[in-house]
Amino acid sequence: MQLIMNDERLQTIEKVKQFLEGSEVLEFGGISVEERYRWIETVLVRFKYLQLRRADKGVIRRYVEKVSGYSRAQVSRLIRYYNQSGRLRKANYQRHRFPRRYTRTDIALLARTDELHDCLSGPATKRIMEREWAVYGHSDFGNMIYDATMHGSVRLCFDAIRIDLWLASQEREEV
């Protein structure tokens, strides 16, 4: 069930106190984060929150907690953010990703080399790639020989099916 509440008639602190006393058994929720943030901002602007006395700020804070469903700590953070920036917007989240060192072609070449040489150790595979580049002039191996340890002493036993699955998953992530 969706409940639409028009709280524009709540213009005074006294009316907000009456609302809080009369709505103790009610719980509100079900709207998106952006809508909640917009609503909280309109309430803070309507009551001129930053200019209120301390006791009145507490009433507005409890009202925002009750209607938004946010915890006391979350409401405090949102009010602090509003106080600092003058507006309340959801922050865009960007996951940190390390830059890619190896291309898909490099990974496929590593898997193929490992498969042809029956899963040698990391340093042995690195040495093979160094020789392919330096002695035989295969420039495809150039990007991979500069890694000091390659993969350490970990055995690099890739099979063609696993590497194909991994490459397919990487393509899905980029889309």
N, C-alpha and C. Protein backbone atom coordinates (compact mmCIF):
# COMPACT_ATOMS: atom_id res chain seq x y z
N MET A 1 0.84 -1.17 0.00
CA MET A 1 0.00 0.00 0.00
C MET A 1 0.89 1.24 0.00
N GLN A 2 0.56 2.19 -0.83
CA GLN A 2 1.33 3.42 -0.91
C GLN A 2 0.52 4.54 -0.27
N LEU A 3 1.18 5.27 0.61
CA LEU A 3 0.54 6.37 1.31
C LEU A 3 1.17 7.67 0.83
N ILE A 4 0.34 8.59 0.41
CA ILE A 4 0.84 9.90 0.01
C ILE A 4 0.44 10.88 1.10
N MET A 5 1.45 11.54 1.64
CA MET A 5 1.21 12.45 2.75
C MET A 5 1.52 13.87 2.31
N ASN A 6 0.56 14.76 2.54
CA ASN A 6 0.77 16.17 2.27
C ASN A 6 0.98 16.86 3.61
N ASP A 7 2.20 17.26 3.87
CA ASP A 7 2.52 17.86 5.17
C ASP A 7 2.70 19.37 5.08
N GLU A 8 2.16 19.98 4.05
CA GLU A 8 2.34 21.43 3.88
C GLU A 8 1.61 22.24 4.95
N ARG A 9 0.59 21.64 5.58
CA ARG A 9 -0.13 22.37 6.63
C ARG A 9 0.63 22.41 7.95
N LEU A 10 1.64 21.59 8.06
CA LEU A 10 2.48 21.63 9.25
C LEU A 10 3.46 22.79 9.10
N GLN A 11 3.03 23.97 9.54
CA GLN A 11 3.84 25.18 9.36
C GLN A 11 4.48 25.66 10.65
N THR A 12 4.01 25.17 11.78
CA THR A 12 4.57 25.63 13.06
C THR A 12 5.16 24.46 13.82
N ILE A 13 6.01 24.79 14.74
CA ILE A 13 6.65 23.77 15.58
C ILE A 13 5.59 23.07 16.44
N GLU A 14 4.60 23.82 16.91
CA GLU A 14 3.53 23.23 17.73
C GLU A 14 2.77 22.15 16.96
N LYS A 15 2.47 22.42 15.70
CA LYS A 15 1.75 21.42 14.89
C LYS A 15 2.61 20.18 14.66
N VAL A 16 3.89 20.38 14.50
CA VAL A 16 4.79 19.25 14.33
C VAL A 16 4.83 18.42 15.61
N LYS A 17 4.86 19.08 16.79
CA LYS A 17 4.82 18.37 18.07
C LYS A 17 3.54 17.55 18.19
N GLN A 18 2.40 18.14 17.81
CA GLN A 18 1.13 17.42 17.86
C GLN A 18 1.16 16.21 16.93
N PHE A 19 1.74 16.39 15.75
CA PHE A 19 1.85 15.27 14.81
C PHE A 19 2.67 14.14 15.40
N LEU A 20 3.80 14.48 16.01
CA LEU A 20 4.68 13.46 16.60
C LEU A 20 3.99 12.72 17.74
N GLU A 21 3.21 13.45 18.57
CA GLU A 21 2.51 12.81 19.68
C GLU A 21 1.39 11.90 19.18
N GLY A 22 0.73 12.29 18.11
CA GLY A 22 -0.40 11.52 17.62
C GLY A 22 -0.02 10.40 16.66
N SER A 23 1.22 10.32 16.23
CA SER A 23 1.60 9.32 15.24
C SER A 23 2.62 8.31 15.77
N GLU A 24 2.60 8.06 17.07
CA GLU A 24 3.59 7.16 17.64
C GLU A 24 3.49 5.74 17.10
N VAL A 25 2.31 5.28 16.75
CA VAL A 25 2.15 3.90 16.29
C VAL A 25 2.33 3.79 14.77
N LEU A 26 2.43 4.89 14.09
CA LEU A 26 2.58 4.86 12.64
C LEU A 26 4.04 4.70 12.25
N GLU A 27 4.28 4.04 11.13
CA GLU A 27 5.61 3.96 10.55
C GLU A 27 5.49 4.35 9.08
N PHE A 28 6.43 5.15 8.63
CA PHE A 28 6.40 5.63 7.26
C PHE A 28 7.59 5.06 6.50
N GLY A 29 7.45 4.91 5.23
CA GLY A 29 8.55 4.42 4.41
C GLY A 29 8.06 4.11 3.01
N GLY A 30 8.95 3.55 2.18
CA GLY A 30 8.54 3.10 0.86
C GLY A 30 8.83 4.05 -0.28
N ILE A 31 9.53 5.14 -0.03
CA ILE A 31 9.86 6.03 -1.14
C ILE A 31 11.36 5.93 -1.42
N SER A 32 11.76 6.43 -2.56
CA SER A 32 13.16 6.31 -2.96
C SER A 32 14.04 7.26 -2.14
N VAL A 33 15.32 7.01 -2.17
CA VAL A 33 16.29 7.83 -1.43
C VAL A 33 16.25 9.27 -1.92
N GLU A 34 16.18 9.45 -3.24
CA GLU A 34 16.16 10.80 -3.79
C GLU A 34 14.93 11.57 -3.32
N GLU A 35 13.77 10.89 -3.28
CA GLU A 35 12.55 11.54 -2.83
C GLU A 35 12.65 11.90 -1.34
N ARG A 36 13.21 11.00 -0.55
CA ARG A 36 13.39 11.30 0.87
C ARG A 36 14.30 12.51 1.05
N TYR A 37 15.40 12.56 0.33
CA TYR A 37 16.32 13.68 0.44
C TYR A 37 15.63 14.99 0.05
N ARG A 38 14.85 14.95 -1.04
CA ARG A 38 14.13 16.15 -1.46
C ARG A 38 13.15 16.61 -0.38
N TRP A 39 12.43 15.62 0.18
CA TRP A 39 11.46 15.95 1.22
C TRP A 39 12.16 16.54 2.44
N ILE A 40 13.25 15.94 2.88
CA ILE A 40 13.98 16.44 4.05
C ILE A 40 14.46 17.86 3.79
N GLU A 41 14.96 18.10 2.59
CA GLU A 41 15.41 19.46 2.26
C GLU A 41 14.27 20.46 2.31
N THR A 42 13.11 20.10 1.78
CA THR A 42 11.97 21.03 1.82
C THR A 42 11.53 21.30 3.26
N VAL A 43 11.58 20.28 4.13
CA VAL A 43 11.21 20.49 5.53
C VAL A 43 12.21 21.44 6.19
N LEU A 44 13.50 21.22 5.95
CA LEU A 44 14.51 22.08 6.56
C LEU A 44 14.38 23.52 6.09
N VAL A 45 14.05 23.69 4.82
CA VAL A 45 13.86 25.05 4.27
C VAL A 45 12.58 25.67 4.82
N ARG A 46 11.49 24.90 4.84
CA ARG A 46 10.19 25.43 5.28
C ARG A 46 10.25 25.93 6.72
N PHE A 47 10.93 25.19 7.60
CA PHE A 47 11.00 25.59 9.00
C PHE A 47 12.23 26.44 9.32
N LYS A 48 13.02 26.79 8.29
CA LYS A 48 14.24 27.58 8.48
C LYS A 48 15.06 26.97 9.61
N TYR A 49 15.39 25.72 9.43
CA TYR A 49 16.01 24.90 10.45
C TYR A 49 17.26 25.55 11.05
N LEU A 50 18.08 26.14 10.23
CA LEU A 50 19.34 26.70 10.72
C LEU A 50 19.13 27.90 11.65
N GLN A 51 17.95 28.51 11.59
CA GLN A 51 17.67 29.68 12.43
C GLN A 51 16.86 29.33 13.68
N LEU A 52 16.45 28.07 13.83
CA LEU A 52 15.63 27.67 14.97
C LEU A 52 16.44 27.59 16.25
N ARG A 53 15.70 27.66 17.37
CA ARG A 53 16.33 27.43 18.67
C ARG A 53 16.63 25.94 18.81
N ARG A 54 17.47 25.60 19.76
CA ARG A 54 17.93 24.22 19.94
C ARG A 54 16.76 23.26 20.18
N ALA A 55 15.81 23.62 21.04
CA ALA A 55 14.68 22.74 21.35
C ALA A 55 13.82 22.50 20.11
N ASP A 56 13.61 23.54 19.33
CA ASP A 56 12.80 23.42 18.12
C ASP A 56 13.52 22.57 17.07
N LYS A 57 14.83 22.68 17.01
CA LYS A 57 15.60 21.84 16.09
C LYS A 57 15.40 20.36 16.43
N GLY A 58 15.33 20.08 17.72
CA GLY A 58 15.10 18.70 18.15
C GLY A 58 13.76 18.18 17.68
N VAL A 59 12.74 19.02 17.72
CA VAL A 59 11.40 18.62 17.26
C VAL A 59 11.44 18.32 15.76
N ILE A 60 12.04 19.19 15.00
CA ILE A 60 12.12 18.98 13.54
C ILE A 60 12.95 17.74 13.24
N ARG A 61 14.00 17.54 13.98
CA ARG A 61 14.86 16.37 13.79
C ARG A 61 14.06 15.08 14.04
N ARG A 62 13.26 15.05 15.13
CA ARG A 62 12.43 13.87 15.41
C ARG A 62 11.38 13.66 14.33
N TYR A 63 10.84 14.74 13.83
CA TYR A 63 9.84 14.66 12.76
C TYR A 63 10.46 14.04 11.50
N VAL A 64 11.65 14.52 11.13
CA VAL A 64 12.33 13.97 9.96
C VAL A 64 12.66 12.50 10.17
N GLU A 65 13.12 12.14 11.37
CA GLU A 65 13.41 10.74 11.68
C GLU A 65 12.16 9.88 11.51
N LYS A 66 11.05 10.35 12.07
CA LYS A 66 9.80 9.58 12.07
C LYS A 66 9.28 9.35 10.66
N VAL A 67 9.23 10.40 9.86
CA VAL A 67 8.62 10.29 8.54
C VAL A 67 9.57 9.63 7.54
N SER A 68 10.85 9.94 7.62
CA SER A 68 11.79 9.38 6.63
C SER A 68 12.17 7.94 6.95
N GLY A 69 12.13 7.58 8.23
CA GLY A 69 12.55 6.24 8.61
C GLY A 69 14.05 6.13 8.83
N TYR A 70 14.77 7.23 8.72
CA TYR A 70 16.21 7.21 8.94
C TYR A 70 16.52 7.24 10.43
N SER A 71 17.68 6.74 10.78
CA SER A 71 18.12 6.74 12.18
C SER A 71 18.50 8.16 12.60
N ARG A 72 18.65 8.32 13.90
CA ARG A 72 19.05 9.63 14.43
C ARG A 72 20.40 10.06 13.87
N ALA A 73 21.35 9.10 13.79
CA ALA A 73 22.69 9.42 13.27
C ALA A 73 22.62 9.82 11.81
N GLN A 74 21.80 9.12 11.01
CA GLN A 74 21.70 9.44 9.59
C GLN A 74 21.07 10.82 9.39
N VAL A 75 20.05 11.12 10.18
CA VAL A 75 19.42 12.44 10.07
C VAL A 75 20.43 13.52 10.45
N SER A 76 21.23 13.26 11.48
CA SER A 76 22.26 14.24 11.87
C SER A 76 23.25 14.46 10.74
N ARG A 77 23.67 13.38 10.08
CA ARG A 77 24.61 13.53 8.95
C ARG A 77 23.97 14.33 7.81
N LEU A 78 22.72 14.05 7.52
CA LEU A 78 22.05 14.77 6.43
C LEU A 78 21.89 16.25 6.76
N ILE A 79 21.54 16.54 8.00
CA ILE A 79 21.40 17.95 8.39
C ILE A 79 22.75 18.65 8.34
N ARG A 80 23.81 17.96 8.78
CA ARG A 80 25.15 18.55 8.70
C ARG A 80 25.52 18.82 7.24
N TYR A 81 25.21 17.88 6.36
CA TYR A 81 25.50 18.07 4.94
C TYR A 81 24.71 19.25 4.39
N TYR A 82 23.45 19.36 4.79
CA TYR A 82 22.62 20.49 4.35
C TYR A 82 23.21 21.80 4.87
N ASN A 83 23.66 21.80 6.11
CA ASN A 83 24.24 22.99 6.72
C ASN A 83 25.51 23.43 5.98
N GLN A 84 26.31 22.47 5.55
CA GLN A 84 27.57 22.79 4.86
C GLN A 84 27.35 23.22 3.42
N SER A 85 26.47 22.54 2.71
CA SER A 85 26.34 22.79 1.28
C SER A 85 25.13 23.63 0.90
N GLY A 86 24.15 23.74 1.80
CA GLY A 86 22.95 24.51 1.48
C GLY A 86 21.93 23.74 0.68
N ARG A 87 22.22 22.48 0.39
CA ARG A 87 21.27 21.63 -0.34
C ARG A 87 21.52 20.19 0.07
N LEU A 88 20.60 19.33 -0.30
CA LEU A 88 20.69 17.93 0.09
C LEU A 88 20.51 17.06 -1.15
N ARG A 89 21.58 16.47 -1.59
CA ARG A 89 21.55 15.60 -2.77
C ARG A 89 22.30 14.32 -2.46
N LYS A 90 21.84 13.24 -3.03
CA LYS A 90 22.52 11.96 -2.86
C LYS A 90 23.84 12.01 -3.63
N ALA A 91 24.90 11.61 -2.97
CA ALA A 91 26.22 11.63 -3.60
C ALA A 91 26.34 10.49 -4.61
N ASN A 92 26.95 10.77 -5.73
CA ASN A 92 27.21 9.72 -6.71
C ASN A 92 28.38 8.89 -6.24
N TYR A 93 28.21 7.60 -6.28
CA TYR A 93 29.25 6.69 -5.80
C TYR A 93 30.06 6.19 -6.98
N GLN A 94 31.35 6.34 -6.91
CA GLN A 94 32.25 5.83 -7.94
C GLN A 94 33.20 4.83 -7.29
N ARG A 95 33.11 3.58 -7.68
CA ARG A 95 34.00 2.57 -7.14
C ARG A 95 35.41 2.79 -7.67
N HIS A 96 36.37 2.68 -6.76
CA HIS A 96 37.77 2.82 -7.18
C HIS A 96 38.21 1.56 -7.89
N ARG A 97 38.82 1.72 -9.02
CA ARG A 97 39.38 0.58 -9.75
C ARG A 97 40.82 0.90 -10.11
N PHE A 98 41.67 -0.09 -9.89
CA PHE A 98 43.05 0.09 -10.28
C PHE A 98 43.14 0.04 -11.80
N PRO A 99 44.08 0.77 -12.38
CA PRO A 99 44.21 0.73 -13.84
C PRO A 99 44.67 -0.65 -14.30
N ARG A 100 44.18 -1.03 -15.46
CA ARG A 100 44.55 -2.33 -16.00
C ARG A 100 45.96 -2.29 -16.56
N ARG A 101 46.72 -3.29 -16.22
CA ARG A 101 48.07 -3.39 -16.74
C ARG A 101 48.07 -4.24 -18.01
N TYR A 102 47.28 -5.29 -18.01
CA TYR A 102 47.30 -6.23 -19.13
C TYR A 102 45.99 -6.15 -19.90
N THR A 103 46.09 -6.25 -21.21
CA THR A 103 44.91 -6.25 -22.07
C THR A 103 44.36 -7.66 -22.16
N ARG A 104 43.19 -7.79 -22.76
CA ARG A 104 42.62 -9.12 -22.99
C ARG A 104 43.54 -9.97 -23.85
N THR A 105 44.17 -9.33 -24.80
CA THR A 105 45.10 -10.05 -25.68
C THR A 105 46.28 -10.58 -24.88
N ASP A 106 46.81 -9.77 -23.95
CA ASP A 106 47.92 -10.22 -23.11
C ASP A 106 47.51 -11.43 -22.26
N ILE A 107 46.31 -11.38 -21.71
CA ILE A 107 45.85 -12.48 -20.85
C ILE A 107 45.66 -13.74 -21.67
N ALA A 108 45.06 -13.60 -22.84
CA ALA A 108 44.88 -14.76 -23.71
C ALA A 108 46.24 -15.33 -24.13
N LEU A 109 47.22 -14.46 -24.40
CA LEU A 109 48.57 -14.90 -24.77
C LEU A 109 49.24 -15.63 -23.61
N LEU A 110 49.07 -15.13 -22.41
CA LEU A 110 49.61 -15.79 -21.23
C LEU A 110 48.98 -17.17 -21.05
N ALA A 111 47.68 -17.26 -21.22
CA ALA A 111 47.00 -18.54 -21.08
C ALA A 111 47.47 -19.53 -22.15
N ARG A 112 47.60 -19.06 -23.36
CA ARG A 112 48.05 -19.94 -24.45
C ARG A 112 49.49 -20.41 -24.20
N THR A 113 50.37 -19.50 -23.78
CA THR A 113 51.76 -19.86 -23.48
C THR A 113 51.82 -20.88 -22.35
N ASP A 114 51.03 -20.63 -21.33
CA ASP A 114 51.00 -21.54 -20.18
C ASP A 114 50.50 -22.92 -20.58
N GLU A 115 49.48 -22.94 -21.43
CA GLU A 115 48.92 -24.21 -21.90
C GLU A 115 49.93 -24.99 -22.75
N LEU A 116 50.66 -24.29 -23.61
CA LEU A 116 51.63 -24.96 -24.48
C LEU A 116 52.82 -25.53 -23.71
N HIS A 117 53.13 -24.92 -22.56
CA HIS A 117 54.30 -25.35 -21.78
C HIS A 117 53.91 -26.14 -20.54
N ASP A 118 52.71 -26.64 -20.49
CA ASP A 118 52.25 -27.52 -19.41
C ASP A 118 52.35 -26.90 -18.01
N CYS A 119 51.86 -25.72 -17.87
CA CYS A 119 51.70 -25.08 -16.56
C CYS A 119 53.01 -24.97 -15.78
N LEU A 120 53.95 -24.24 -16.29
CA LEU A 120 55.21 -24.01 -15.59
C LEU A 120 55.00 -23.01 -14.45
N SER A 121 56.04 -22.83 -13.64
CA SER A 121 55.95 -21.84 -12.57
C SER A 121 55.93 -20.43 -13.16
N GLY A 122 55.58 -19.44 -12.34
CA GLY A 122 55.53 -18.06 -12.79
C GLY A 122 56.85 -17.56 -13.35
N PRO A 123 57.96 -17.72 -12.62
CA PRO A 123 59.25 -17.24 -13.15
C PRO A 123 59.65 -17.94 -14.45
N ALA A 124 59.34 -19.23 -14.58
CA ALA A 124 59.69 -19.94 -15.81
C ALA A 124 58.87 -19.41 -16.98
N THR A 125 57.60 -19.16 -16.75
CA THR A 125 56.74 -18.61 -17.81
C THR A 125 57.22 -17.21 -18.18
N LYS A 126 57.62 -16.45 -17.18
CA LYS A 126 58.14 -15.10 -17.45
C LYS A 126 59.39 -15.18 -18.33
N ARG A 127 60.26 -16.10 -18.02
CA ARG A 127 61.50 -16.26 -18.79
C ARG A 127 61.20 -16.66 -20.23
N ILE A 128 60.23 -17.52 -20.43
CA ILE A 128 59.83 -17.91 -21.79
C ILE A 128 59.36 -16.68 -22.56
N MET A 129 58.56 -15.86 -21.91
CA MET A 129 58.04 -14.66 -22.58
C MET A 129 59.15 -13.66 -22.88
N GLU A 130 60.10 -13.53 -21.96
CA GLU A 130 61.24 -12.65 -22.22
C GLU A 130 62.02 -13.12 -23.45
N ARG A 131 62.23 -14.43 -23.56
CA ARG A 131 62.96 -14.98 -24.71
C ARG A 131 62.15 -14.80 -26.01
N GLU A 132 60.86 -15.00 -25.94
CA GLU A 132 60.02 -14.81 -27.12
C GLU A 132 60.16 -13.37 -27.64
N TRP A 133 60.24 -12.43 -26.73
CA TRP A 133 60.32 -11.02 -27.12
C TRP A 133 61.75 -10.65 -27.55
N ALA A 134 62.76 -11.02 -26.72
CA ALA A 134 64.13 -10.57 -26.97
C ALA A 134 64.81 -11.38 -28.07
N VAL A 135 64.68 -12.70 -28.05
CA VAL A 135 65.42 -13.55 -28.99
C VAL A 135 64.67 -13.71 -30.31
N TYR A 136 63.36 -13.98 -30.20
CA TYR A 136 62.60 -14.28 -31.41
C TYR A 136 61.86 -13.08 -31.99
N GLY A 137 61.87 -11.96 -31.28
CA GLY A 137 61.30 -10.73 -31.80
C GLY A 137 59.78 -10.70 -31.85
N HIS A 138 59.11 -11.49 -31.03
CA HIS A 138 57.64 -11.46 -30.99
C HIS A 138 57.20 -10.29 -30.11
N SER A 139 56.77 -9.22 -30.73
CA SER A 139 56.43 -7.99 -30.00
C SER A 139 55.18 -8.15 -29.13
N ASP A 140 54.39 -9.19 -29.36
CA ASP A 140 53.20 -9.41 -28.55
C ASP A 140 53.54 -9.60 -27.07
N PHE A 141 54.73 -10.12 -26.79
CA PHE A 141 55.13 -10.41 -25.42
C PHE A 141 55.75 -9.21 -24.71
N GLY A 142 55.93 -8.12 -25.41
CA GLY A 142 56.61 -6.95 -24.86
C GLY A 142 55.93 -6.36 -23.64
N ASN A 143 54.62 -6.32 -23.63
CA ASN A 143 53.89 -5.71 -22.52
C ASN A 143 54.02 -6.53 -21.24
N MET A 144 54.28 -7.82 -21.34
CA MET A 144 54.23 -8.67 -20.18
C MET A 144 55.59 -8.93 -19.54
N ILE A 145 56.67 -8.62 -20.19
CA ILE A 145 57.97 -8.96 -19.61
C ILE A 145 58.45 -7.94 -18.59
N TYR A 146 57.81 -6.78 -18.51
CA TYR A 146 58.31 -5.75 -17.60
C TYR A 146 57.82 -5.94 -16.17
N ASP A 147 56.88 -6.82 -15.95
CA ASP A 147 56.44 -7.10 -14.60
C ASP A 147 57.54 -7.89 -13.90
N ALA A 148 58.06 -7.37 -12.78
CA ALA A 148 59.24 -7.95 -12.16
C ALA A 148 59.05 -9.40 -11.71
N THR A 149 57.90 -9.70 -11.17
CA THR A 149 57.71 -11.06 -10.66
C THR A 149 56.70 -11.86 -11.46
N MET A 150 56.07 -11.23 -12.40
CA MET A 150 54.99 -11.83 -13.18
C MET A 150 53.90 -12.30 -12.22
N HIS A 151 53.96 -13.51 -11.78
CA HIS A 151 52.97 -14.00 -10.83
C HIS A 151 53.67 -14.73 -9.70
N GLY A 152 54.89 -14.38 -9.40
CA GLY A 152 55.61 -14.98 -8.29
C GLY A 152 55.82 -16.46 -8.52
N SER A 153 55.66 -17.22 -7.47
CA SER A 153 55.87 -18.66 -7.58
C SER A 153 54.55 -19.40 -7.76
N VAL A 154 53.49 -18.66 -8.00
CA VAL A 154 52.19 -19.30 -8.19
C VAL A 154 52.19 -20.03 -9.53
N ARG A 155 51.67 -21.23 -9.52
CA ARG A 155 51.58 -21.98 -10.77
C ARG A 155 50.49 -21.36 -11.63
N LEU A 156 50.79 -21.16 -12.87
CA LEU A 156 49.88 -20.47 -13.80
C LEU A 156 49.17 -21.46 -14.69
N CYS A 157 48.45 -22.34 -14.14
CA CYS A 157 47.81 -23.35 -14.97
C CYS A 157 46.44 -22.84 -15.40
N PHE A 158 46.37 -22.26 -16.57
CA PHE A 158 45.11 -21.78 -17.13
C PHE A 158 44.64 -22.80 -18.15
N ASP A 159 43.37 -23.04 -18.19
CA ASP A 159 42.87 -23.81 -19.31
C ASP A 159 42.01 -22.89 -20.17
N ALA A 160 41.84 -23.26 -21.39
CA ALA A 160 41.18 -22.40 -22.37
C ALA A 160 39.76 -22.05 -21.96
N ILE A 161 39.05 -22.96 -21.35
CA ILE A 161 37.65 -22.70 -20.99
C ILE A 161 37.59 -21.65 -19.89
N ARG A 162 38.43 -21.77 -18.85
CA ARG A 162 38.39 -20.79 -17.77
C ARG A 162 38.76 -19.40 -18.26
N ILE A 163 39.75 -19.29 -19.12
CA ILE A 163 40.16 -17.97 -19.59
C ILE A 163 39.08 -17.36 -20.48
N ASP A 164 38.39 -18.19 -21.28
CA ASP A 164 37.29 -17.68 -22.09
C ASP A 164 36.16 -17.17 -21.20
N LEU A 165 35.85 -17.90 -20.14
CA LEU A 165 34.80 -17.45 -19.22
C LEU A 165 35.19 -16.15 -18.54
N TRP A 166 36.46 -16.05 -18.14
CA TRP A 166 36.92 -14.83 -17.49
C TRP A 166 36.85 -13.64 -18.44
N LEU A 167 37.30 -13.83 -19.67
CA LEU A 167 37.24 -12.74 -20.64
C LEU A 167 35.81 -12.31 -20.91
N ALA A 168 34.89 -13.28 -20.97
CA ALA A 168 33.48 -12.94 -21.19
C ALA A 168 32.93 -12.15 -20.02
N SER A 169 33.31 -12.50 -18.80
CA SER A 169 32.83 -11.75 -17.63
C SER A 169 33.39 -10.33 -17.64
N GLN A 170 34.61 -10.14 -18.12
CA GLN A 170 35.19 -8.80 -18.19
C GLN A 170 34.45 -7.94 -19.21
N GLU A 171 34.02 -8.54 -20.29
CA GLU A 171 33.26 -7.80 -21.29
C GLU A 171 31.93 -7.35 -20.73
N ARG A 172 31.28 -8.21 -19.92
CA ARG A 172 30.00 -7.84 -19.31
C ARG A 172 30.18 -6.69 -18.33
N GLU A 173 31.28 -6.67 -17.59
CA GLU A 173 31.52 -5.59 -16.62
C GLU A 173 31.68 -4.24 -17.30
N GLU A 174 32.30 -4.23 -18.47
CA GLU A 174 32.55 -2.96 -19.15
C GLU A 174 31.30 -2.39 -19.78
N VAL A 175 30.32 -3.19 -20.02
CA VAL A 175 29.07 -2.73 -20.64
C VAL A 175 28.18 -2.09 -19.66
